[in-house]
Amino acid sequence: MRKKYGITKRSQNSIQKKVYVSTSKIHGLGVFSKKKIRKNEYIGSYEGEIVLEDNTYVLWVQQDHGGWILIDGKNELRYLNHSSKPNAEFRDNKLYAIRTIKPNEEITIHYGEDWNDIP
């Protein structure tokens, strides 16, 4: 069964309640918490079209069989910035807090081993 990565009501509701996009001190725009988000809390899903080539807002999701799905982000989570000390992580295309995130704190992820470590 193929997983779907289109916009879902559950994800949009969660994103609307928990995050907003604003200017980031890290780079360009970023995703910020509207309220306290607890460790292991679901934030939202990275949703968009499945594509064949990498681009600015493409998330690489590793599949169980070892292959990759590339999702060209269409929702607010496409503005997530990198940090070597992230406060969130993806599990498949679903974003979860890996520690408590304070209101108005930028939500960050680690882009992967190939990225320079920036705080």
N, C-alpha and C. Protein backbone atom coordinates (compact mmCIF):
# COMPACT_ATOMS: atom_id res chain seq x y z
N MET A 1 0.83 -1.18 0.00
CA MET A 1 0.00 0.00 0.00
C MET A 1 0.88 1.25 0.00
N ARG A 2 0.62 2.17 -0.91
CA ARG A 2 1.40 3.41 -1.02
C ARG A 2 0.89 4.45 -0.03
N LYS A 3 1.82 5.09 0.67
CA LYS A 3 1.44 6.12 1.63
C LYS A 3 1.05 7.39 0.89
N LYS A 4 0.12 8.14 1.47
CA LYS A 4 -0.33 9.39 0.88
C LYS A 4 0.36 10.55 1.59
N TYR A 5 0.74 11.55 0.81
CA TYR A 5 1.42 12.70 1.38
C TYR A 5 0.70 14.01 1.05
N GLY A 6 -0.58 13.93 0.68
CA GLY A 6 -1.37 15.13 0.39
C GLY A 6 -1.77 15.83 1.68
N ILE A 7 -2.35 16.98 1.54
CA ILE A 7 -2.79 17.78 2.69
C ILE A 7 -3.94 17.06 3.40
N THR A 8 -3.77 16.84 4.72
CA THR A 8 -4.81 16.17 5.50
C THR A 8 -5.38 17.15 6.52
N LYS A 9 -6.63 16.93 6.87
CA LYS A 9 -7.32 17.79 7.84
C LYS A 9 -6.65 17.71 9.20
N ARG A 10 -6.25 16.50 9.63
CA ARG A 10 -5.60 16.34 10.95
C ARG A 10 -4.32 17.18 11.02
N SER A 11 -3.50 17.10 9.98
CA SER A 11 -2.26 17.85 9.98
C SER A 11 -2.52 19.35 9.95
N GLN A 12 -3.40 19.80 9.06
CA GLN A 12 -3.69 21.23 8.96
C GLN A 12 -4.24 21.78 10.27
N ASN A 13 -5.11 21.05 10.93
CA ASN A 13 -5.65 21.50 12.23
C ASN A 13 -4.54 21.64 13.26
N SER A 14 -3.65 20.65 13.31
CA SER A 14 -2.55 20.68 14.27
C SER A 14 -1.61 21.84 13.98
N ILE A 15 -1.26 22.01 12.71
CA ILE A 15 -0.35 23.09 12.33
C ILE A 15 -0.97 24.44 12.66
N GLN A 16 -2.23 24.64 12.33
CA GLN A 16 -2.88 25.93 12.59
C GLN A 16 -2.93 26.26 14.08
N LYS A 17 -3.09 25.24 14.92
CA LYS A 17 -3.15 25.46 16.37
C LYS A 17 -1.78 25.67 16.99
N LYS A 18 -0.73 25.09 16.40
CA LYS A 18 0.55 25.04 17.08
C LYS A 18 1.66 25.90 16.52
N VAL A 19 1.61 26.27 15.24
CA VAL A 19 2.76 26.96 14.66
C VAL A 19 2.36 28.16 13.80
N TYR A 20 3.34 29.01 13.57
CA TYR A 20 3.22 30.12 12.62
C TYR A 20 4.56 30.32 11.93
N VAL A 21 4.55 30.98 10.79
CA VAL A 21 5.76 31.26 10.01
C VAL A 21 6.13 32.73 10.20
N SER A 22 7.42 32.98 10.45
CA SER A 22 7.89 34.34 10.63
C SER A 22 9.37 34.41 10.23
N THR A 23 9.93 35.61 10.27
CA THR A 23 11.34 35.80 9.94
C THR A 23 12.20 35.07 10.97
N SER A 24 13.22 34.37 10.46
CA SER A 24 14.09 33.56 11.30
C SER A 24 15.47 34.20 11.44
N LYS A 25 16.07 34.05 12.61
CA LYS A 25 17.46 34.48 12.81
C LYS A 25 18.42 33.48 12.17
N ILE A 26 17.93 32.27 11.91
CA ILE A 26 18.77 31.23 11.30
C ILE A 26 18.89 31.46 9.80
N HIS A 27 17.74 31.59 9.12
CA HIS A 27 17.74 31.77 7.67
C HIS A 27 16.34 32.09 7.16
N GLY A 28 16.20 33.18 6.47
CA GLY A 28 14.93 33.51 5.80
C GLY A 28 13.73 33.42 6.71
N LEU A 29 12.79 32.56 6.33
CA LEU A 29 11.61 32.32 7.15
C LEU A 29 11.82 31.07 7.99
N GLY A 30 11.10 30.98 9.10
CA GLY A 30 11.17 29.81 9.97
C GLY A 30 9.80 29.49 10.53
N VAL A 31 9.70 28.34 11.18
CA VAL A 31 8.47 27.87 11.80
C VAL A 31 8.62 28.06 13.31
N PHE A 32 7.63 28.70 13.93
CA PHE A 32 7.68 29.01 15.36
C PHE A 32 6.46 28.45 16.06
N SER A 33 6.63 28.13 17.35
CA SER A 33 5.51 27.58 18.12
C SER A 33 4.59 28.69 18.61
N LYS A 34 3.29 28.47 18.48
CA LYS A 34 2.30 29.41 19.01
C LYS A 34 2.11 29.22 20.51
N LYS A 35 2.39 28.00 20.96
CA LYS A 35 2.16 27.66 22.36
C LYS A 35 3.19 26.61 22.77
N LYS A 36 3.17 26.24 24.03
CA LYS A 36 4.07 25.21 24.53
C LYS A 36 3.74 23.88 23.84
N ILE A 37 4.76 23.23 23.30
CA ILE A 37 4.60 21.92 22.66
C ILE A 37 5.43 20.94 23.47
N ARG A 38 4.79 19.93 23.98
CA ARG A 38 5.45 18.97 24.86
C ARG A 38 6.28 17.93 24.09
N LYS A 39 7.28 17.40 24.77
CA LYS A 39 8.12 16.35 24.20
C LYS A 39 7.24 15.22 23.66
N ASN A 40 7.56 14.74 22.47
CA ASN A 40 6.86 13.65 21.75
C ASN A 40 5.49 14.04 21.22
N GLU A 41 5.12 15.32 21.32
CA GLU A 41 3.83 15.76 20.80
C GLU A 41 3.90 15.89 19.27
N TYR A 42 2.84 15.46 18.61
CA TYR A 42 2.71 15.58 17.15
C TYR A 42 2.51 17.05 16.81
N ILE A 43 3.29 17.55 15.86
CA ILE A 43 3.18 18.95 15.44
C ILE A 43 2.40 19.06 14.13
N GLY A 44 2.71 18.19 13.19
CA GLY A 44 2.04 18.21 11.90
C GLY A 44 2.79 17.31 10.93
N SER A 45 2.27 17.20 9.72
CA SER A 45 2.89 16.35 8.70
C SER A 45 3.40 17.19 7.55
N TYR A 46 4.55 16.80 7.03
CA TYR A 46 5.13 17.44 5.86
C TYR A 46 4.38 16.90 4.65
N GLU A 47 3.61 17.76 4.01
CA GLU A 47 2.73 17.30 2.96
C GLU A 47 2.95 18.08 1.67
N GLY A 48 2.77 17.38 0.57
CA GLY A 48 2.94 17.99 -0.74
C GLY A 48 3.01 16.92 -1.80
N GLU A 49 3.49 17.31 -2.97
CA GLU A 49 3.58 16.40 -4.10
C GLU A 49 4.83 15.53 -4.01
N ILE A 50 4.70 14.29 -4.43
CA ILE A 50 5.86 13.42 -4.56
C ILE A 50 6.55 13.79 -5.86
N VAL A 51 7.86 14.06 -5.78
CA VAL A 51 8.64 14.49 -6.94
C VAL A 51 9.83 13.56 -7.14
N LEU A 52 10.52 13.73 -8.26
CA LEU A 52 11.66 12.88 -8.59
C LEU A 52 13.00 13.59 -8.40
N GLU A 53 12.98 14.92 -8.21
CA GLU A 53 14.22 15.67 -8.06
C GLU A 53 14.21 16.51 -6.80
N ASP A 54 15.39 16.71 -6.24
CA ASP A 54 15.55 17.54 -5.05
C ASP A 54 15.34 19.01 -5.43
N ASN A 55 14.91 19.78 -4.46
CA ASN A 55 14.71 21.21 -4.65
C ASN A 55 14.69 21.85 -3.26
N THR A 56 14.44 23.13 -3.19
CA THR A 56 14.52 23.89 -1.94
C THR A 56 13.66 23.31 -0.82
N TYR A 57 12.42 22.95 -1.08
CA TYR A 57 11.51 22.50 -0.02
C TYR A 57 11.20 21.01 -0.07
N VAL A 58 12.15 20.23 -0.58
CA VAL A 58 11.92 18.79 -0.70
C VAL A 58 12.45 18.08 0.54
N LEU A 59 11.57 17.27 1.15
CA LEU A 59 11.94 16.42 2.27
C LEU A 59 12.15 15.00 1.75
N TRP A 60 13.28 14.40 2.10
CA TRP A 60 13.58 13.02 1.72
C TRP A 60 13.10 12.11 2.85
N VAL A 61 12.19 11.20 2.56
CA VAL A 61 11.64 10.28 3.55
C VAL A 61 12.09 8.87 3.19
N GLN A 62 12.87 8.24 4.09
CA GLN A 62 13.34 6.89 3.82
C GLN A 62 12.21 5.88 4.04
N GLN A 63 12.09 4.97 3.13
CA GLN A 63 11.05 3.94 3.17
C GLN A 63 11.57 2.69 3.87
N ASP A 64 10.67 1.82 4.28
CA ASP A 64 11.03 0.59 4.99
C ASP A 64 11.98 -0.28 4.17
N HIS A 65 11.83 -0.27 2.85
CA HIS A 65 12.65 -1.10 1.98
C HIS A 65 14.00 -0.46 1.65
N GLY A 66 14.26 0.74 2.19
CA GLY A 66 15.54 1.41 2.00
C GLY A 66 15.52 2.49 0.93
N GLY A 67 14.49 2.53 0.12
CA GLY A 67 14.38 3.58 -0.90
C GLY A 67 13.93 4.90 -0.29
N TRP A 68 13.77 5.89 -1.13
CA TRP A 68 13.39 7.22 -0.68
C TRP A 68 12.18 7.74 -1.43
N ILE A 69 11.37 8.52 -0.75
CA ILE A 69 10.28 9.29 -1.34
C ILE A 69 10.66 10.75 -1.14
N LEU A 70 10.52 11.56 -2.16
CA LEU A 70 10.82 12.98 -2.07
C LEU A 70 9.50 13.75 -2.10
N ILE A 71 9.26 14.55 -1.06
CA ILE A 71 8.02 15.31 -0.94
C ILE A 71 8.33 16.79 -1.07
N ASP A 72 7.73 17.43 -2.08
CA ASP A 72 7.89 18.87 -2.28
C ASP A 72 6.85 19.57 -1.39
N GLY A 73 7.31 20.09 -0.27
CA GLY A 73 6.43 20.65 0.75
C GLY A 73 5.54 21.78 0.28
N LYS A 74 4.27 21.72 0.71
CA LYS A 74 3.29 22.74 0.34
C LYS A 74 2.66 23.41 1.56
N ASN A 75 2.99 22.95 2.77
CA ASN A 75 2.41 23.59 3.95
C ASN A 75 3.50 24.35 4.73
N GLU A 76 3.14 24.88 5.87
CA GLU A 76 4.05 25.72 6.65
C GLU A 76 5.35 25.02 7.04
N LEU A 77 5.34 23.71 7.17
CA LEU A 77 6.53 22.98 7.62
C LEU A 77 7.67 23.05 6.61
N ARG A 78 7.40 23.51 5.39
CA ARG A 78 8.48 23.65 4.41
C ARG A 78 9.50 24.71 4.84
N TYR A 79 9.14 25.54 5.81
CA TYR A 79 10.05 26.59 6.29
C TYR A 79 10.88 26.18 7.51
N LEU A 80 10.87 24.90 7.86
CA LEU A 80 11.70 24.44 8.98
C LEU A 80 13.18 24.66 8.66
N ASN A 81 13.91 25.19 9.61
CA ASN A 81 15.34 25.41 9.44
C ASN A 81 16.15 24.34 10.17
N HIS A 82 17.41 24.24 9.77
CA HIS A 82 18.35 23.27 10.34
C HIS A 82 18.99 23.79 11.62
N SER A 83 19.23 22.86 12.52
CA SER A 83 20.04 23.14 13.71
C SER A 83 20.76 21.85 14.11
N SER A 84 21.98 22.01 14.62
CA SER A 84 22.70 20.85 15.14
C SER A 84 22.14 20.42 16.50
N LYS A 85 21.29 21.28 17.08
CA LYS A 85 20.61 20.98 18.34
C LYS A 85 19.10 21.17 18.13
N PRO A 86 18.50 20.31 17.31
CA PRO A 86 17.09 20.49 16.96
C PRO A 86 16.16 20.21 18.13
N ASN A 87 14.93 20.72 18.01
CA ASN A 87 13.92 20.45 19.03
C ASN A 87 12.78 19.61 18.47
N ALA A 88 12.90 19.19 17.20
CA ALA A 88 11.88 18.35 16.57
C ALA A 88 12.55 17.41 15.57
N GLU A 89 11.81 16.35 15.22
CA GLU A 89 12.33 15.40 14.23
C GLU A 89 11.17 14.79 13.47
N PHE A 90 11.48 14.33 12.26
CA PHE A 90 10.49 13.64 11.46
C PHE A 90 10.54 12.15 11.75
N ARG A 91 9.37 11.56 11.82
CA ARG A 91 9.19 10.11 11.85
C ARG A 91 8.29 9.86 10.65
N ASP A 92 8.88 9.34 9.59
CA ASP A 92 8.25 9.30 8.27
C ASP A 92 8.08 10.76 7.88
N ASN A 93 6.90 11.21 7.52
CA ASN A 93 6.70 12.62 7.19
C ASN A 93 6.02 13.39 8.32
N LYS A 94 5.92 12.77 9.48
CA LYS A 94 5.24 13.38 10.63
C LYS A 94 6.28 14.01 11.57
N LEU A 95 6.02 15.25 11.97
CA LEU A 95 6.94 16.00 12.82
C LEU A 95 6.52 15.91 14.28
N TYR A 96 7.49 15.56 15.14
CA TYR A 96 7.27 15.45 16.58
C TYR A 96 8.32 16.26 17.33
N ALA A 97 7.93 16.80 18.47
CA ALA A 97 8.87 17.50 19.35
C ALA A 97 9.75 16.46 20.03
N ILE A 98 11.06 16.71 20.08
CA ILE A 98 11.96 15.79 20.79
C ILE A 98 12.34 16.34 22.17
N ARG A 99 11.85 17.51 22.46
CA ARG A 99 11.93 18.11 23.80
C ARG A 99 10.81 19.13 23.87
N THR A 100 10.53 19.65 25.05
CA THR A 100 9.51 20.67 25.18
C THR A 100 9.95 21.93 24.43
N ILE A 101 9.04 22.49 23.64
CA ILE A 101 9.30 23.70 22.86
C ILE A 101 8.47 24.83 23.46
N LYS A 102 9.14 25.94 23.76
CA LYS A 102 8.47 27.08 24.40
C LYS A 102 7.67 27.88 23.37
N PRO A 103 6.66 28.64 23.84
CA PRO A 103 5.94 29.54 22.94
C PRO A 103 6.90 30.51 22.25
N ASN A 104 6.69 30.72 20.97
CA ASN A 104 7.48 31.63 20.12
C ASN A 104 8.91 31.16 19.86
N GLU A 105 9.24 29.94 20.25
CA GLU A 105 10.56 29.37 19.96
C GLU A 105 10.55 28.82 18.52
N GLU A 106 11.66 29.02 17.80
CA GLU A 106 11.73 28.46 16.45
C GLU A 106 11.85 26.94 16.54
N ILE A 107 11.08 26.27 15.72
CA ILE A 107 11.12 24.81 15.64
C ILE A 107 12.14 24.43 14.58
N THR A 108 13.10 23.59 14.96
CA THR A 108 14.17 23.22 14.05
C THR A 108 14.34 21.71 13.98
N ILE A 109 14.93 21.27 12.88
CA ILE A 109 15.26 19.86 12.69
C ILE A 109 16.71 19.77 12.26
N HIS A 110 17.27 18.59 12.33
CA HIS A 110 18.61 18.36 11.80
C HIS A 110 18.44 17.83 10.39
N TYR A 111 19.00 18.53 9.41
CA TYR A 111 18.80 18.16 8.00
C TYR A 111 19.49 16.86 7.61
N GLY A 112 20.47 16.42 8.39
CA GLY A 112 21.16 15.18 8.06
C GLY A 112 22.66 15.34 8.19
N GLU A 113 23.35 14.24 8.07
CA GLU A 113 24.80 14.20 8.29
C GLU A 113 25.60 15.06 7.31
N ASP A 114 25.04 15.32 6.15
CA ASP A 114 25.76 16.10 5.14
C ASP A 114 25.73 17.60 5.39
N TRP A 115 24.97 18.05 6.40
CA TRP A 115 24.84 19.47 6.66
C TRP A 115 25.85 19.92 7.68
N ASN A 116 26.38 21.14 7.47
CA ASN A 116 27.28 21.74 8.45
C ASN A 116 26.53 21.94 9.75
N ASP A 117 27.21 21.70 10.85
CA ASP A 117 26.57 21.92 12.14
C ASP A 117 26.54 23.38 12.47
N ILE A 118 25.35 23.94 12.51
CA ILE A 118 25.16 25.32 12.96
C ILE A 118 24.22 25.26 14.15
N PRO A 119 24.44 26.08 15.14
CA PRO A 119 23.61 26.01 16.35
C PRO A 119 22.13 26.18 16.11
